[in-house]
Every structure is written in structure tokens, then in C-alpha cells.
Amino acid sequence: MLLIRNAILINEDRRFRGSVVVEGDIIREVLEGDQQPAAGLVIEQVVDADGLWLVPGVIDDQVHFREPGLTHKADIASESRAAAAGGVTSFMDMPNTMPLTITLDALEDKYRLGAEKSVVNYSFYMGATNSNIEELKKVDPSGVCGVKVFMGSSTGNMLVDDMETLSRIFAEVPLLIATHCEDEETIRTNKEHYKALLGDNLPIEYHPLIRNEEACYRSSSLAVELARKYNSRLHVLHLSTAREMELFDNQLPLKEKRITAEVCVHHLWFSDADYESFGNRIKWNPAIKSSDDREALLKALNDDRLDVVATDHAPHLLREKEGNCLKAASGGPLIQYSLPAMLEMALQGYFTPEKVIRKMCHAPAELYRVRNRGFIRKGYFADLVLVNPDASYTVTPEQVLSTCGWSPFEGISFHHQVVKTWVNGQLVYNNGVVDDKRAGRRLLFDPF
């Protein structure tokens, strides 16, 4: 057995000194203060945390690990290593790979890749198209995180724009429906407007004007309308505008919500004022928008209208990020520094560390009903992260484990550093070194 002792546990909105006993892959005991392990337990290994923070592993509900088909920029092995280094012990990967994950066979192929390659736990979304609803209805909800619906095109040809199909998905598919919400018609109109004014060589500052508030709101409000009509289980991904916050509420506990909302780290950290300094490195879909939008997102996160924080980790090579705002690829790597970035924002007073752990660890587990993960609880899987809250360092390209080799946080200093990461009781990250053992397992889900 493993004893992690003398840690500061941050768990379930509490902070206390204590210890955790791990037996195999399971948390055997959670001890407070000077409590000692039960008599008769054979402790084979002791880690003295010496006042470091012990938190549950982060569950990132939105990543693009690019495998299969796009492995020149990332793959499951490399990105799961980056996840472990960032304290992320579980991920949910998107279907816009090559081939697209729009059949059961393609979905199970990805699960086989996860089993072969992932250092951390994994799940994969089934992708929706205008023509695969019968395939979606065959998916086993206990073994798949959800169905992804692009209600606005992004990377990959998966736009679902047929209203009859959308209605059937919301009415008939017995899975969590996760949506990318940007209205394609609005984007197209905006793009043509600015091209007519200024030509094709539009700088990055026009990206949030093309993919603007109206494009986001029109699509998000449609998703919410459909979910209310059919009592669907809807989760709206990477919200980016103040106006969209009126679509969500905090009247029910998370476990009882049928409509939930996600915000990503980059929409909390950056605003459109940062395009001048960071350029295409912070080009995402949906676009990073104004400081007023950012402030509204922070407020909604604190008052629980926004339910979870994720990354939309989407690596591209830097050469793919070159060009004007119409040509540069959208997306970037975030998973290795998402927890340090959020804890840095907590240090700056935007929210508490307890809120960070709630939104990145507990809430994804509750929202998706992930079985026995996301908390430091007796009987739960031992997905644990040790964090040094007093480590000052500056992000450099040499530290980046993602295949793409860069980070939008380069040059930024953080004061919280992941020291150790355990996945299913196995130490997979230890002071800068990743153990490539395949500790990850397929996530399982309880019914809604």
C-alpha cells in the first residue's frame, strides 16, 4: 500500500491537512490531521507531501488528441503524457479525426488506441453528422462520454445543419449531447462583409468580429431551445460571450441539471486585447472576445451558471498557425498548463483554489456521471495530483510535451507546479519525468 502523508488536501470545497492510503488502484482511507492508517494495513511506500497540496486528478471533457490521421501534430501517447504532467488524469477526446469518429467501428478503433497508448484515463465522443443518427442510437451510454454535434463548422467536415436531423438527435439519442455552437450563416455573412471592405488579408483582430457574439448566441440559443423542447441532456462547450450567459442558470444542483455549460481556460485567461501580443497563437473557435465577455465568463463561473472548466486542447504545428485570420489554423495546446493557469488566476483573486478543483475535477465527474472518479473519496480510483503552491517558474518551449512543441503560455510565469500525478494508483509523473506505463483506463459512466 501507498501512504501519501502530511498533505494539504483540497477536496469537496474543503482544505485540510491529512493523508491518503492507496491500495492497488483504489483509495483505501482518507485521514484528517494526525489520524493514522488502520491497524494491520501494510504500508509499503510512503510519500511525505510536507505540506504540498493533494487534489483529485483533473477531468478534461474536451480535447483533440489528433489520432488517428493527424499524428504529425499530436497523438494519444504524446498528449496523454502532457496531460499527466499537467495533473490531468482523464480526458474526453473529440471525433474530428481522420477518419471521422462517426461509426461504431471507428469509435471502438479509438478505444483500442487509448488502451494501447494512453498514460491517463480516456473516453471518446461519437460524432454526429446529417446522416448517421441510427448509428448514434446504438452507442452504449455506459461506455461513451457523449455525442458531439458541431452546430457550426470547425476543424473537420462535421457540420450538422439540417434542422430535421438536429431535432431527431435531441429527441432520440440517449446520450449527453455536447455542442459546438457557432451559426454558420452568420459567420459566412460576417466574413464576406469584412472581405468586401478590406480584402482577403484580414489580420487576426478580425477573427472575433467574424465569429462574433451573434454567431455564438444564435447557435447556443437554438441548442438550448431544442434541449428544452425534447428534455435532452445538453452540454454546451467552450462558451465565449456575455450574452450567452443568460441561457444558463444556477437554480439546481449540478446533478439535477439537464442543460449545462462549459468554459475553457483560454477564454478566462485572454481577451481580444491580447491578439496584438500573441497573434495567431490564441486563435481558437469560438474566438477569444472582449474583456467584457471575459469578465462575464468569470462572474458566471463563480456563480455556477458555468459548470465546468476544460481546455479544448487542440495542437497544431506553428507553421499551421501562420497566415491571416482566414488561413491560420484555429486551436492550440493547453492541457499541460491548464491546472497551473487556473491556480494562478486563483492566486490573483479571480476565484478560490477550491473553486478550481470543483470546476476541473468534481464537476466534470458529476456532470458526465463518471464512475468513481473526480474526488478524493474512500473507494474511488486513486487519480491524485500533488501540487507545489510555492514553485515559481516560467514556461519555455523546452518544457512542452505536446508533439507540436509550443504553448500559448510561453514566457508566462506560474507559481503552482504539478509535482506528482497518480493514475489508478500508479505514479505516472514525478518531478518532470513521465513514466510511459499505460496506466490509463476507459472511463465508465452511470446513467442519467
Protein backbone atom coordinates (compact mmCIF):
# COMPACT_ATOMS: atom_id res chain seq x y z
CA MET A 1 0.00 0.00 0.00
CA LEU A 2 0.94 3.62 -0.58
CA LEU A 3 0.65 6.31 2.09
CA ILE A 4 0.69 9.96 0.97
CA ARG A 5 1.03 11.78 4.26
CA ASN A 6 1.18 15.30 5.63
CA ALA A 7 -0.52 16.87 2.60
CA ILE A 8 -2.95 19.76 2.38
CA LEU A 9 -6.00 18.15 0.77
CA ILE A 10 -8.22 20.38 -1.36
CA ASN A 11 -11.35 18.36 -1.93
CA GLU A 12 -15.12 18.93 -1.91
CA ASP A 13 -14.78 22.64 -1.04
CA ARG A 14 -12.61 21.94 1.98
CA ARG A 15 -8.93 22.42 2.69
CA PHE A 16 -7.37 20.37 5.48
CA ARG A 17 -4.15 18.66 6.47
CA GLY A 18 -4.30 14.92 6.08
CA SER A 19 -3.14 11.73 4.44
CA VAL A 20 -4.41 9.23 1.89
CA VAL A 21 -3.87 5.47 1.81
CA VAL A 22 -3.95 3.82 -1.61
CA GLU A 23 -4.39 0.08 -2.04
CA GLY A 24 -3.74 -1.00 -5.61
CA ASP A 25 -5.84 1.32 -7.78
CA ILE A 26 -8.29 2.38 -5.06
CA ILE A 27 -8.28 4.96 -2.27
CA ARG A 28 -8.46 2.87 0.91
CA GLU A 29 -8.55 5.64 3.51
CA VAL A 30 -8.75 9.43 3.71
CA LEU A 31 -7.28 10.58 7.02
CA GLU A 32 -7.57 14.00 8.63
CA GLY A 33 -4.97 15.73 10.79
CA ASP A 34 -2.81 13.27 12.68
CA GLN A 35 -5.03 10.24 12.06
CA GLN A 36 -3.01 7.12 11.33
CA PRO A 37 -3.79 4.26 8.93
CA ALA A 38 -5.89 1.46 10.37
CA ALA A 39 -4.02 -1.17 12.34
CA GLY A 40 -2.99 -4.11 10.23
CA LEU A 41 -2.53 -2.21 7.00
CA VAL A 42 0.84 -2.95 5.46
CA ILE A 43 2.30 0.33 4.18
CA GLU A 44 4.92 -0.46 1.59
CA GLN A 45 5.61 3.03 0.30
CA VAL A 46 5.41 6.44 1.94
CA VAL A 47 5.37 9.80 0.16
CA ASP A 48 5.81 12.71 2.58
CA ALA A 49 3.95 15.59 0.95
CA ASP A 50 5.38 18.03 3.51
CA GLY A 51 2.50 20.49 3.16
CA LEU A 52 2.09 20.28 -0.62
CA TRP A 53 -1.46 20.30 -1.98
CA LEU A 54 -3.08 16.95 -2.79
CA VAL A 55 -6.01 17.27 -5.20
CA PRO A 56 -8.10 14.91 -7.35
CA GLY A 57 -6.93 14.39 -10.91
CA VAL A 58 -8.37 16.86 -13.41
CA ILE A 59 -11.00 15.53 -15.84
CA ASP A 60 -10.78 17.43 -19.13
CA ASP A 61 -14.02 16.98 -21.05
CA GLN A 62 -12.82 18.49 -24.34
CA VAL A 63 -9.56 17.63 -26.08
CA HIS A 64 -8.35 16.94 -29.62
CA PHE A 65 -5.50 14.42 -29.44
CA ARG A 66 -5.46 14.16 -33.26
CA GLU A 67 -5.25 10.37 -33.52
CA PRO A 68 -5.92 8.74 -35.91
CA GLY A 69 -4.94 10.56 -39.06
CA LEU A 70 -3.37 13.81 -37.81
CA THR A 71 -0.47 12.45 -35.81
CA HIS A 72 2.10 14.80 -37.31
CA LYS A 73 0.84 17.35 -34.77
CA ALA A 74 -0.21 15.14 -31.83
CA ASP A 75 -1.17 11.61 -30.83
CA ILE A 76 -2.68 9.86 -27.83
CA ALA A 77 0.70 8.87 -26.39
CA SER A 78 2.26 12.34 -26.54
CA GLU A 79 -0.79 14.28 -25.40
CA SER A 80 -1.62 11.92 -22.57
CA ARG A 81 1.96 12.43 -21.34
CA ALA A 82 1.36 16.19 -21.45
CA ALA A 83 -1.90 15.63 -19.58
CA ALA A 84 -0.14 13.69 -16.81
CA ALA A 85 2.45 16.46 -16.47
CA GLY A 86 -0.40 18.94 -16.05
CA GLY A 87 -2.31 16.96 -13.43
CA VAL A 88 -4.97 15.80 -15.88
CA THR A 89 -5.78 12.16 -15.19
CA SER A 90 -8.78 11.71 -17.53
CA PHE A 91 -9.68 13.16 -20.93
CA MET A 92 -12.60 13.05 -23.36
CA ASP A 93 -11.48 13.26 -26.98
CA MET A 94 -13.35 14.76 -29.92
CA PRO A 95 -14.43 12.91 -33.10
CA ASN A 96 -12.99 15.16 -35.83
CA THR A 97 -10.04 12.89 -36.59
CA MET A 98 -9.25 11.06 -39.84
CA PRO A 99 -11.31 9.01 -40.30
CA LEU A 100 -14.10 10.83 -38.51
CA THR A 101 -15.45 9.02 -35.46
CA ILE A 102 -18.97 8.68 -36.84
CA THR A 103 -19.43 4.89 -36.83
CA LEU A 104 -19.30 2.36 -34.02
CA ASP A 105 -16.34 0.66 -35.69
CA ALA A 106 -14.36 3.91 -35.82
CA LEU A 107 -15.28 4.63 -32.20
CA GLU A 108 -14.05 1.25 -30.99
CA ASP A 109 -10.87 1.67 -33.03
CA LYS A 110 -10.14 4.78 -30.97
CA TYR A 111 -10.79 2.95 -27.73
CA ARG A 112 -8.27 0.33 -28.81
CA LEU A 113 -5.75 3.11 -29.43
CA GLY A 114 -6.47 4.53 -26.00
CA ALA A 115 -5.86 1.16 -24.36
CA GLU A 116 -2.59 0.74 -26.25
CA LYS A 117 -1.19 4.24 -25.81
CA SER A 118 -2.70 6.35 -23.05
CA VAL A 119 -0.87 7.17 -19.84
CA VAL A 120 -4.12 8.58 -18.38
CA ASN A 121 -7.80 7.59 -18.45
CA TYR A 122 -9.77 8.18 -21.62
CA SER A 123 -13.13 8.43 -23.30
CA PHE A 124 -14.06 9.30 -26.87
CA TYR A 125 -17.09 11.11 -28.25
CA MET A 126 -19.18 9.74 -31.08
CA GLY A 127 -19.57 12.36 -33.79
CA ALA A 128 -22.90 13.38 -35.29
CA THR A 129 -23.48 14.09 -38.98
CA ASN A 130 -26.54 14.84 -41.07
CA SER A 131 -26.88 11.14 -41.88
CA ASN A 132 -25.72 8.90 -39.01
CA ILE A 133 -28.48 9.16 -36.42
CA GLU A 134 -29.21 5.43 -36.46
CA GLU A 135 -25.57 4.78 -35.62
CA LEU A 136 -25.72 7.28 -32.75
CA LYS A 137 -28.69 5.47 -31.22
CA LYS A 138 -26.65 2.24 -31.00
CA VAL A 139 -23.97 3.72 -28.72
CA ASP A 140 -23.82 2.29 -25.19
CA PRO A 141 -24.12 5.27 -22.80
CA SER A 142 -22.25 3.43 -20.04
CA GLY A 143 -19.03 3.36 -22.04
CA VAL A 144 -19.07 6.60 -24.05
CA CYS A 145 -18.98 10.18 -22.75
CA GLY A 146 -21.43 11.57 -25.30
CA VAL A 147 -22.21 12.58 -28.85
CA LYS A 148 -20.53 15.68 -30.29
CA VAL A 149 -22.62 17.93 -32.52
CA PHE A 150 -20.94 20.69 -34.49
CA MET A 151 -23.71 23.27 -34.86
CA GLY A 152 -21.19 25.38 -36.76
CA SER A 153 -18.23 24.10 -38.72
CA SER A 154 -14.81 23.87 -37.14
CA THR A 155 -11.92 21.52 -37.84
CA GLY A 156 -13.25 18.66 -39.97
CA ASN A 157 -16.34 18.27 -42.12
CA MET A 158 -18.92 17.54 -39.43
CA LEU A 159 -21.37 20.43 -39.62
CA VAL A 160 -24.89 19.33 -38.68
CA ASP A 161 -27.09 21.96 -40.29
CA ASP A 162 -30.24 20.04 -41.17
CA MET A 163 -33.00 21.04 -38.74
CA GLU A 164 -34.87 17.76 -39.04
CA THR A 165 -31.68 15.87 -38.18
CA LEU A 166 -30.90 18.19 -35.27
CA SER A 167 -34.41 17.72 -33.89
CA ARG A 168 -34.11 13.94 -34.15
CA ILE A 169 -30.73 13.96 -32.40
CA PHE A 170 -32.13 15.97 -29.50
CA ALA A 171 -35.29 13.87 -29.36
CA GLU A 172 -33.96 10.35 -29.88
CA VAL A 173 -30.29 10.00 -28.90
CA PRO A 174 -29.96 8.65 -25.33
CA LEU A 175 -26.57 10.25 -24.71
CA LEU A 176 -25.23 13.52 -23.41
CA ILE A 177 -25.22 15.90 -26.39
CA ALA A 178 -22.14 18.14 -26.41
CA THR A 179 -22.36 21.02 -28.86
CA HIS A 180 -20.00 23.39 -30.63
CA CYS A 181 -22.28 26.39 -31.13
CA GLU A 182 -21.48 28.96 -33.81
CA ASP A 183 -24.01 29.85 -36.50
CA GLU A 184 -22.53 29.13 -39.90
CA GLU A 185 -24.70 31.60 -41.82
CA THR A 186 -23.71 34.46 -39.53
CA ILE A 187 -20.03 33.59 -39.83
CA ARG A 188 -20.27 33.44 -43.61
CA THR A 189 -22.06 36.81 -43.79
CA ASN A 190 -19.52 38.47 -41.49
CA LYS A 191 -16.61 37.02 -43.44
CA GLU A 192 -17.90 38.31 -46.75
CA HIS A 193 -18.60 41.72 -45.20
CA TYR A 194 -15.04 42.22 -43.98
CA LYS A 195 -13.50 40.75 -47.13
CA ALA A 196 -15.51 43.24 -49.20
CA LEU A 197 -14.24 46.11 -47.06
CA LEU A 198 -10.61 45.11 -46.65
CA GLY A 199 -9.81 42.21 -48.96
CA ASP A 200 -8.70 38.66 -48.17
CA ASN A 201 -5.69 39.51 -46.00
CA LEU A 202 -7.55 40.11 -42.74
CA PRO A 203 -5.38 40.31 -39.60
CA ILE A 204 -6.11 38.19 -36.53
CA GLU A 205 -8.04 41.02 -34.84
CA TYR A 206 -10.91 40.35 -37.26
CA HIS A 207 -11.34 36.76 -36.09
CA PRO A 208 -13.68 37.70 -33.18
CA LEU A 209 -15.55 40.07 -35.48
CA ILE A 210 -16.24 37.27 -37.96
CA ARG A 211 -17.04 34.68 -35.29
CA ASN A 212 -18.84 37.23 -33.19
CA GLU A 213 -21.33 37.28 -30.34
CA GLU A 214 -24.29 36.93 -32.67
CA ALA A 215 -22.86 33.81 -34.30
CA CYS A 216 -22.39 32.22 -30.90
CA TYR A 217 -25.70 33.27 -29.39
CA ARG A 218 -27.86 32.26 -32.35
CA SER A 219 -26.45 28.74 -32.25
CA SER A 220 -26.31 28.32 -28.45
CA SER A 221 -29.86 29.57 -28.03
CA LEU A 222 -31.05 27.10 -30.67
CA ALA A 223 -29.33 24.24 -28.84
CA VAL A 224 -30.95 25.27 -25.56
CA GLU A 225 -34.35 25.63 -27.26
CA LEU A 226 -34.10 22.10 -28.70
CA ALA A 227 -32.95 20.65 -25.39
CA ARG A 228 -35.87 22.20 -23.53
CA LYS A 229 -38.32 21.03 -26.17
CA TYR A 230 -37.15 17.41 -26.05
CA ASN A 231 -35.81 17.30 -22.46
CA SER A 232 -32.40 16.37 -23.83
CA ARG A 233 -29.22 16.14 -21.81
CA LEU A 234 -27.32 19.09 -23.36
CA HIS A 235 -23.82 20.31 -22.57
CA VAL A 236 -22.72 23.45 -24.43
CA LEU A 237 -18.97 23.58 -24.94
CA HIS A 238 -16.46 26.47 -24.85
CA LEU A 239 -18.83 29.38 -24.27
CA SER A 240 -17.22 32.73 -25.04
CA THR A 241 -19.70 35.61 -24.75
CA ALA A 242 -21.50 37.59 -22.07
CA ARG A 243 -24.80 37.31 -23.90
CA GLU A 244 -24.78 33.51 -23.84
CA MET A 245 -24.69 33.53 -20.03
CA GLU A 246 -28.40 34.43 -19.98
CA LEU A 247 -29.13 30.97 -21.39
CA PHE A 248 -27.93 29.18 -18.24
CA ASP A 249 -28.87 29.26 -14.58
CA ASN A 250 -27.74 28.15 -11.15
CA GLN A 251 -31.11 27.23 -9.67
CA LEU A 252 -30.49 23.48 -9.49
CA PRO A 253 -27.62 21.39 -8.15
CA LEU A 254 -25.36 20.23 -10.96
CA LYS A 255 -26.53 16.62 -10.72
CA GLU A 256 -30.09 17.72 -11.45
CA LYS A 257 -29.36 19.99 -14.41
CA ARG A 258 -30.40 18.86 -17.88
CA ILE A 259 -28.65 21.80 -19.58
CA THR A 260 -25.06 22.52 -18.59
CA ALA A 261 -22.28 24.81 -19.72
CA GLU A 262 -18.51 24.74 -20.15
CA VAL A 263 -15.90 27.47 -20.33
CA CYS A 264 -12.30 26.98 -21.46
CA VAL A 265 -9.12 28.21 -19.83
CA HIS A 266 -8.15 30.45 -22.76
CA HIS A 267 -11.46 32.33 -22.68
CA LEU A 268 -10.89 33.03 -18.98
CA TRP A 269 -7.22 33.99 -19.35
CA PHE A 270 -7.07 36.04 -22.56
CA SER A 271 -9.14 38.81 -24.17
CA ASP A 272 -9.07 40.44 -27.60
CA ALA A 273 -6.52 42.92 -26.23
CA ASP A 274 -4.02 40.04 -26.28
CA TYR A 275 -4.17 39.46 -30.04
CA GLU A 276 -1.56 42.19 -30.54
CA SER A 277 0.96 40.29 -28.40
CA PHE A 278 0.05 36.66 -29.08
CA GLY A 279 -1.36 36.79 -32.61
CA ASN A 280 -2.48 33.50 -34.11
CA ARG A 281 -1.23 31.56 -31.10
CA ILE A 282 -4.50 32.46 -29.38
CA LYS A 283 -6.74 31.89 -32.38
CA TRP A 284 -9.50 29.49 -31.34
CA ASN A 285 -13.02 28.70 -32.46
CA PRO A 286 -15.04 30.18 -30.82
CA ALA A 287 -12.85 33.25 -30.85
CA ILE A 288 -11.43 34.94 -27.78
CA LYS A 289 -13.52 38.06 -27.42
CA SER A 290 -13.67 41.29 -25.40
CA SER A 291 -12.60 41.96 -21.83
CA ASP A 292 -16.29 42.48 -21.00
CA ASP A 293 -17.01 38.97 -22.27
CA ARG A 294 -14.14 37.62 -20.21
CA GLU A 295 -15.44 39.35 -17.08
CA ALA A 296 -18.92 37.94 -17.67
CA LEU A 297 -17.50 34.43 -18.02
CA LEU A 298 -15.56 34.79 -14.77
CA LYS A 299 -18.70 36.01 -12.98
CA ALA A 300 -20.78 33.13 -14.36
CA LEU A 301 -18.12 30.63 -13.32
CA ASN A 302 -18.17 31.96 -9.78
CA ASP A 303 -21.97 31.92 -9.52
CA ASP A 304 -22.27 28.44 -11.07
CA ARG A 305 -24.04 29.26 -14.30
CA LEU A 306 -20.90 27.86 -15.92
CA ASP A 307 -20.43 24.34 -14.66
CA VAL A 308 -17.01 23.09 -15.76
CA VAL A 309 -13.63 24.32 -16.99
CA ALA A 310 -11.89 22.47 -19.83
CA THR A 311 -9.18 23.19 -22.38
CA ASP A 312 -10.29 22.41 -25.95
CA HIS A 313 -6.64 21.29 -26.23
CA ALA A 314 -6.14 21.31 -29.99
CA PRO A 315 -2.49 21.16 -31.11
CA HIS A 316 -1.29 22.48 -34.45
CA LEU A 317 2.26 22.88 -35.67
CA LEU A 318 3.38 26.50 -35.59
CA ARG A 319 3.64 26.54 -39.38
CA GLU A 320 -0.08 25.69 -39.47
CA LYS A 321 -0.77 28.75 -37.32
CA GLU A 322 0.81 31.12 -39.85
CA GLY A 323 -1.05 33.49 -42.15
CA ASN A 324 -4.00 35.82 -41.79
CA CYS A 325 -7.10 35.14 -39.75
CA LEU A 326 -8.77 33.33 -42.65
CA LYS A 327 -5.86 30.92 -43.17
CA ALA A 328 -4.24 30.24 -39.79
CA ALA A 329 -5.44 27.09 -38.04
CA SER A 330 -7.68 27.55 -35.00
CA GLY A 331 -6.70 25.86 -31.76
CA GLY A 332 -3.68 25.33 -29.56
CA PRO A 333 -2.15 23.12 -26.85
CA LEU A 334 -3.29 23.81 -23.28
CA ILE A 335 -3.58 20.60 -21.30
CA GLN A 336 -0.13 20.65 -19.71
CA TYR A 337 -0.69 24.08 -18.14
CA SER A 338 -4.44 24.26 -17.59
CA LEU A 339 -4.35 23.48 -13.87
CA PRO A 340 -1.36 25.77 -13.16
CA ALA A 341 -3.04 28.57 -15.14
CA MET A 342 -6.30 28.25 -13.23
CA LEU A 343 -4.48 28.14 -9.89
CA GLU A 344 -2.53 31.23 -10.98
CA MET A 345 -5.83 33.01 -11.58
CA ALA A 346 -6.95 31.89 -8.12
CA LEU A 347 -3.76 33.41 -6.70
CA GLN A 348 -4.71 36.65 -8.46
CA GLY A 349 -8.10 36.63 -6.72
CA TYR A 350 -10.46 35.67 -9.56
CA PHE A 351 -11.74 32.67 -7.60
CA THR A 352 -10.51 30.28 -4.92
CA PRO A 353 -8.38 27.16 -5.34
CA GLU A 354 -11.37 25.23 -4.01
CA LYS A 355 -13.44 26.59 -6.90
CA VAL A 356 -10.74 25.48 -9.37
CA ILE A 357 -10.86 21.92 -8.04
CA ARG A 358 -14.66 21.99 -8.04
CA LYS A 359 -14.85 23.05 -11.69
CA MET A 360 -11.98 20.96 -13.10
CA CYS A 361 -12.26 17.75 -11.04
CA HIS A 362 -15.56 17.34 -9.19
CA ALA A 363 -17.94 18.99 -11.65
CA PRO A 364 -16.87 17.04 -14.77
CA ALA A 365 -17.30 13.82 -12.79
CA GLU A 366 -20.79 14.85 -11.66
CA LEU A 367 -21.86 16.31 -14.99
CA TYR A 368 -20.88 13.24 -17.03
CA ARG A 369 -21.58 10.85 -14.14
CA VAL A 370 -18.09 9.41 -14.40
CA ARG A 371 -17.96 6.29 -12.27
CA ASN A 372 -15.86 6.61 -9.09
CA ARG A 373 -13.53 9.39 -10.19
CA GLY A 374 -13.11 13.13 -9.66
CA PHE A 375 -12.98 13.13 -5.84
CA ILE A 376 -10.64 12.05 -3.06
CA ARG A 377 -13.03 9.55 -1.51
CA LYS A 378 -12.72 6.12 0.01
CA GLY A 379 -13.47 3.50 -2.62
CA TYR A 380 -12.77 5.83 -5.57
CA PHE A 381 -9.99 5.28 -8.07
CA ALA A 382 -6.68 6.76 -6.96
CA ASP A 383 -6.35 9.55 -9.53
CA LEU A 384 -4.35 12.02 -7.46
CA VAL A 385 -2.15 15.06 -8.05
CA LEU A 386 0.45 16.61 -5.77
CA VAL A 387 0.91 20.36 -6.37
CA ASN A 388 3.60 22.67 -5.04
CA PRO A 389 1.81 26.01 -4.39
CA ASP A 390 5.08 27.90 -3.93
CA ALA A 391 7.03 27.00 -7.08
CA SER A 392 7.87 29.90 -9.38
CA TYR A 393 8.77 29.06 -12.98
CA THR A 394 8.40 30.43 -16.48
CA VAL A 395 7.02 28.33 -19.33
CA THR A 396 9.53 27.60 -22.11
CA PRO A 397 9.20 25.58 -25.34
CA GLU A 398 11.66 23.02 -23.96
CA GLN A 399 9.18 22.08 -21.22
CA VAL A 400 6.31 21.39 -23.63
CA LEU A 401 5.49 17.68 -24.02
CA SER A 402 2.88 18.06 -26.76
CA THR A 403 4.15 16.98 -30.17
CA CYS A 404 3.50 20.46 -31.60
CA GLY A 405 6.29 21.81 -29.37
CA TRP A 406 4.86 25.15 -28.29
CA SER A 407 2.46 26.70 -25.78
CA PRO A 408 0.45 29.94 -25.74
CA PHE A 409 1.73 30.33 -22.18
CA GLU A 410 5.39 30.60 -23.20
CA GLY A 411 7.04 33.41 -21.27
CA ILE A 412 4.31 33.43 -18.63
CA SER A 413 5.29 32.69 -15.03
CA PHE A 414 3.26 30.39 -12.81
CA HIS A 415 3.50 29.78 -9.08
CA HIS A 416 1.84 26.35 -8.83
CA GLN A 417 3.66 23.32 -10.21
CA VAL A 418 2.46 19.76 -10.59
CA VAL A 419 4.94 17.56 -8.74
CA LYS A 420 3.43 14.07 -8.96
CA THR A 421 0.47 12.51 -10.75
CA TRP A 422 -1.03 9.13 -9.93
CA VAL A 423 -3.44 7.39 -12.30
CA ASN A 424 -5.29 4.37 -10.91
CA GLY A 425 -2.73 4.30 -8.11
CA GLN A 426 0.27 4.27 -10.45
CA LEU A 427 2.79 7.10 -10.37
CA VAL A 428 2.93 8.29 -13.98
CA TYR A 429 4.51 11.73 -13.49
CA ASN A 430 7.24 12.51 -11.00
CA ASN A 431 9.11 15.81 -10.83
CA GLY A 432 9.43 16.39 -14.56
CA VAL A 433 9.63 12.74 -15.65
CA VAL A 434 6.75 10.84 -17.26
CA ASP A 435 6.59 7.07 -16.80
CA ASP A 436 5.23 5.68 -20.05
CA LYS A 437 3.39 2.79 -18.42
CA ARG A 438 -0.12 2.56 -19.86
CA ALA A 439 -1.90 3.33 -16.61
CA GLY A 440 -4.99 4.79 -18.24
CA ARG A 441 -8.33 3.00 -18.41
CA ARG A 442 -11.57 3.53 -20.26
CA LEU A 443 -13.92 5.79 -18.33
CA LEU A 444 -17.30 4.32 -17.39
CA PHE A 445 -20.48 6.31 -16.82
CA ASP A 446 -23.58 5.91 -14.67
CA PRO A 447 -26.99 6.54 -16.30
CA PHE A 448 -28.63 9.97 -16.33
